[in-house]
Amino acid sequence: MTVCAIKVCRNYKGRAKNTKQITYHQIPSNPIIRNQWIDRIRKSRGEATWKPTKTTVVCSDHFRSKDIHSVDKTGRRRLTKEAVPRKALFLSSVQSSESEDSDGIELAEKSNSNEAGPSGTQSTDNDSNINDTDQVPNNGQSDATINDEIVELQNKTEFDEENSFSDLDSIFDTPKEAKLRRDLWRKIVLERKHCLQIKSLRQKNLRLKKKIASLKQMMETLKKERY
């Protein structure tokens, strides 16, 4: 049974037809839009490690009307290439009168910041500190973890090459455009892989520098004790 990935949504294929037509849409293959979908679904579900499967879908209730268009006389509908789930992502937004152009994620984040009260300023400062430290190699993330991420990227590439076309891809794409789309996706994944490898090498270099500094200090100490 196909069920909408948004946790607070009760729509699924086979449910008794409602007054409005509901369609189901797969997560797109475009890496940028795909990551936005996954990020929003994770926040909606409250599951930071959630991962989509081949059958993962989101129903049309979570998209703005301007993000959906009909492609033929039968009423078959598709999403625009830039469409991402925005509506009714949380229980609070489902219960409230959410406007057409509102963004469920932004509303939830504003609500959380308002609840934080005076401590909201402190959290902002912490976030800025975190962003600053991102430029320094993170010793907490082991090489094994980075290697796992590289393997996951390789598997993700193979998976998305098999599913390189979704309902977000234009039905008017020429074979040349389709090939360019696949080539672009491969290059983006390859770039991410290289970034992870560079991060791993930077961590190794940092550890070696610390080890060298420690050995130099030990040598200086031994020289002083000797003389």
Protein backbone atom coordinates (compact mmCIF):
# COMPACT_ATOMS: atom_id res chain seq x y z
CA MET A 1 0.00 0.00 0.00
CA THR A 2 1.37 3.41 -0.99
CA VAL A 3 1.29 5.81 1.97
CA CYS A 4 2.24 9.50 2.07
CA ALA A 5 5.65 9.95 3.74
CA ILE A 6 4.47 12.94 5.82
CA LYS A 7 3.80 11.49 9.26
CA VAL A 8 0.73 13.59 10.14
CA CYS A 9 -0.91 12.81 6.77
CA ARG A 10 -3.48 10.02 6.52
CA ASN A 11 -3.66 9.82 2.74
CA TYR A 12 -2.82 6.58 1.00
CA LYS A 13 -3.62 4.96 -2.34
CA GLY A 14 -6.81 2.97 -2.15
CA ARG A 15 -8.50 5.21 0.39
CA ALA A 16 -12.11 6.11 -0.31
CA LYS A 17 -12.15 8.98 -2.78
CA ASN A 18 -12.59 12.43 -1.31
CA THR A 19 -14.18 15.45 -2.93
CA LYS A 20 -10.74 16.59 -4.09
CA GLN A 21 -8.37 14.63 -6.29
CA ILE A 22 -5.21 13.49 -4.52
CA THR A 23 -2.12 12.46 -6.46
CA TYR A 24 1.12 10.91 -5.21
CA HIS A 25 4.57 12.03 -6.26
CA GLN A 26 7.95 10.34 -5.93
CA ILE A 27 11.03 12.10 -4.58
CA PRO A 28 12.80 13.70 -7.57
CA SER A 29 16.22 12.66 -8.83
CA ASN A 30 17.57 16.22 -9.05
CA PRO A 31 20.11 16.14 -6.18
CA ILE A 32 19.41 19.67 -4.92
CA ILE A 33 15.61 19.35 -4.91
CA ARG A 34 15.86 15.75 -3.65
CA ASN A 35 17.85 16.86 -0.59
CA GLN A 36 15.27 19.59 0.11
CA TRP A 37 12.48 16.99 0.01
CA ILE A 38 14.35 14.62 2.32
CA ASP A 39 15.22 17.43 4.75
CA ARG A 40 11.59 18.56 4.96
CA ILE A 41 10.26 15.03 5.39
CA ARG A 42 12.81 14.38 8.15
CA LYS A 43 11.79 17.56 10.00
CA SER A 44 8.11 16.71 9.56
CA ARG A 45 8.61 13.18 10.90
CA GLY A 46 11.07 14.26 13.60
CA GLU A 47 13.49 11.59 12.38
CA ALA A 48 16.95 12.96 11.58
CA THR A 49 18.17 9.64 10.13
CA TRP A 50 15.11 8.85 7.99
CA LYS A 51 15.94 7.69 4.47
CA PRO A 52 13.61 7.32 1.47
CA THR A 53 12.98 4.08 -0.39
CA LYS A 54 12.11 3.42 -4.03
CA THR A 55 8.39 3.58 -3.17
CA THR A 56 8.47 6.74 -1.01
CA VAL A 57 5.85 9.27 -2.12
CA VAL A 58 4.34 12.54 -0.90
CA CYS A 59 0.71 13.36 -1.68
CA SER A 60 -0.45 16.53 -3.43
CA ASP A 61 -1.95 17.94 -0.19
CA HIS A 62 1.52 19.14 0.79
CA PHE A 63 2.19 21.24 -2.31
CA ARG A 64 0.95 24.66 -3.31
CA SER A 65 -1.56 24.76 -6.15
CA LYS A 66 0.90 26.72 -8.32
CA ASP A 67 3.40 23.84 -7.97
CA ILE A 68 0.97 21.38 -9.59
CA HIS A 69 -0.11 21.35 -13.24
CA SER A 70 -2.11 19.04 -15.50
CA VAL A 71 -0.29 17.42 -18.40
CA ASP A 72 -3.15 15.96 -20.43
CA LYS A 73 -6.92 15.95 -20.86
CA THR A 74 -7.34 13.01 -18.49
CA GLY A 75 -6.36 15.26 -15.59
CA ARG A 76 -3.03 13.55 -14.91
CA ARG A 77 -0.98 15.94 -12.78
CA ARG A 78 2.71 16.63 -12.34
CA LEU A 79 4.79 18.87 -10.13
CA THR A 80 6.98 21.69 -11.32
CA LYS A 81 10.71 20.97 -11.19
CA GLU A 82 11.29 23.31 -8.23
CA ALA A 83 8.34 22.08 -6.14
CA VAL A 84 9.01 20.93 -2.57
CA PRO A 85 6.56 19.89 0.19
CA ARG A 86 5.46 23.05 2.02
CA LYS A 87 1.94 22.59 3.39
CA ALA A 88 0.52 20.59 6.32
CA LEU A 89 3.90 19.16 7.34
CA PHE A 90 3.22 19.36 11.09
CA LEU A 91 0.16 18.74 13.25
CA SER A 92 0.07 22.42 14.24
CA SER A 93 -0.06 23.52 10.59
CA VAL A 94 -2.76 20.95 9.81
CA GLN A 95 -4.96 22.26 12.63
CA SER A 96 -4.35 25.95 11.84
CA SER A 97 -5.59 27.90 8.83
CA GLU A 98 -2.44 27.70 6.76
CA SER A 99 -2.30 30.08 3.79
CA GLU A 100 -1.56 28.92 0.26
CA ASP A 101 1.88 30.56 0.13
CA SER A 102 2.95 29.70 3.67
CA ASP A 103 5.86 27.36 4.31
CA GLY A 104 5.29 24.70 6.99
CA ILE A 105 8.98 24.42 7.84
CA GLU A 106 9.42 28.18 8.27
CA LEU A 107 6.27 28.44 10.40
CA ALA A 108 7.47 25.62 12.65
CA GLU A 109 10.91 27.20 13.07
CA LYS A 110 9.37 30.58 13.93
CA SER A 111 7.11 28.89 16.47
CA ASN A 112 10.08 27.15 18.10
CA SER A 113 12.08 30.39 18.24
CA ASN A 114 9.16 32.20 19.88
CA GLU A 115 8.83 29.46 22.48
CA ALA A 116 12.54 29.73 23.21
CA GLY A 117 12.04 33.25 24.62
CA PRO A 118 15.14 35.13 25.82
CA SER A 119 17.34 32.11 25.24
CA GLY A 120 16.77 32.48 21.51
CA THR A 121 19.62 34.99 21.30
CA GLN A 122 21.95 32.58 23.00
CA SER A 123 21.10 29.80 20.58
CA THR A 124 21.80 32.13 17.66
CA ASP A 125 25.23 32.86 19.08
CA ASN A 126 25.86 29.16 19.46
CA ASP A 127 24.82 28.56 15.87
CA SER A 128 27.28 31.19 14.65
CA ASN A 129 30.02 29.55 16.67
CA ILE A 130 29.17 26.20 15.16
CA ASN A 131 29.35 27.67 11.66
CA ASP A 132 32.77 29.11 12.43
CA THR A 133 34.11 25.80 13.66
CA ASP A 134 32.84 24.03 10.56
CA GLN A 135 35.83 25.45 8.72
CA VAL A 136 38.16 23.49 11.02
CA PRO A 137 38.41 19.70 10.56
CA ASN A 138 36.06 17.94 12.94
CA ASN A 139 37.94 15.41 15.05
CA GLY A 140 34.67 13.97 16.32
CA GLN A 141 33.88 12.54 12.90
CA SER A 142 36.09 9.52 12.36
CA ASP A 143 37.63 8.45 9.07
CA ALA A 144 35.44 5.34 9.20
CA THR A 145 32.33 7.53 9.28
CA ILE A 146 33.55 9.55 6.29
CA ASN A 147 34.34 6.34 4.39
CA ASP A 148 30.80 5.11 5.13
CA GLU A 149 29.45 8.36 3.69
CA ILE A 150 31.54 7.89 0.54
CA VAL A 151 30.19 4.34 0.09
CA GLU A 152 26.66 5.64 0.67
CA LEU A 153 27.20 8.28 -2.03
CA GLN A 154 28.35 5.60 -4.47
CA ASN A 155 25.29 3.47 -3.73
CA LYS A 156 23.09 6.55 -4.02
CA THR A 157 24.53 7.24 -7.47
CA GLU A 158 23.69 3.72 -8.66
CA PHE A 159 20.18 3.99 -7.24
CA ASP A 160 19.47 7.37 -8.81
CA GLU A 161 20.83 6.34 -12.20
CA GLU A 162 18.18 3.63 -12.25
CA ASN A 163 15.55 6.20 -11.24
CA SER A 164 16.95 9.16 -13.11
CA PHE A 165 13.51 10.32 -14.24
CA SER A 166 10.65 11.19 -11.92
CA ASP A 167 7.47 13.17 -12.23
CA LEU A 168 9.53 16.33 -11.74
CA ASP A 169 11.52 15.77 -14.92
CA SER A 170 10.12 17.55 -17.93
CA ILE A 171 8.18 15.34 -20.33
CA PHE A 172 9.60 17.49 -23.12
CA ASP A 173 13.26 16.63 -22.42
CA THR A 174 15.18 15.58 -25.51
CA PRO A 175 17.58 12.59 -25.35
CA LYS A 176 20.46 15.08 -25.27
CA GLU A 177 18.95 16.96 -22.32
CA ALA A 178 18.30 13.68 -20.51
CA LYS A 179 21.94 12.66 -21.00
CA LEU A 180 23.14 16.05 -19.75
CA ARG A 181 20.92 15.65 -16.67
CA ARG A 182 22.49 12.26 -15.86
CA ASP A 183 26.01 13.58 -16.46
CA LEU A 184 25.36 16.55 -14.18
CA TRP A 185 24.08 14.27 -11.42
CA ARG A 186 27.16 12.03 -11.66
CA LYS A 187 29.49 15.05 -11.47
CA ILE A 188 27.68 16.46 -8.44
CA VAL A 189 27.96 13.14 -6.59
CA LEU A 190 31.63 12.86 -7.60
CA GLU A 191 32.26 16.36 -6.23
CA ARG A 192 30.67 15.39 -2.89
CA LYS A 193 32.82 12.28 -2.77
CA HIS A 194 35.96 14.35 -3.35
CA CYS A 195 34.91 16.82 -0.63
CA LEU A 196 34.55 13.96 1.86
CA GLN A 197 37.96 12.59 0.88
CA ILE A 198 39.53 16.03 1.31
CA LYS A 199 37.90 16.33 4.73
CA SER A 200 39.32 12.95 5.73
CA LEU A 201 42.83 13.96 4.58
CA ARG A 202 42.62 17.25 6.49
CA GLN A 203 41.74 15.37 9.66
CA LYS A 204 44.69 13.04 9.16
CA ASN A 205 47.03 16.00 8.58
CA LEU A 206 45.76 17.70 11.74
CA ARG A 207 46.36 14.57 13.81
CA LEU A 208 49.87 14.20 12.36
CA LYS A 209 50.70 17.84 13.13
CA LYS A 210 49.56 17.35 16.72
CA LYS A 211 51.61 14.17 16.98
CA ILE A 212 54.71 15.92 15.59
CA ALA A 213 54.26 18.82 18.02
CA SER A 214 53.92 16.35 20.90
CA LEU A 215 57.09 14.49 19.85
CA LYS A 216 59.02 17.75 19.55
CA GLN A 217 57.92 18.73 23.03
CA MET A 218 59.03 15.34 24.37
CA MET A 219 62.43 15.76 22.69
CA GLU A 220 62.88 19.21 24.23
CA THR A 221 61.95 17.82 27.64
CA LEU A 222 64.45 14.96 27.29
CA LYS A 223 67.21 17.37 26.23
CA LYS A 224 66.59 19.57 29.27
CA GLU A 225 66.64 16.56 31.62
CA ARG A 226 69.81 15.29 30.01
CA TYR A 227 71.75 18.52 30.38
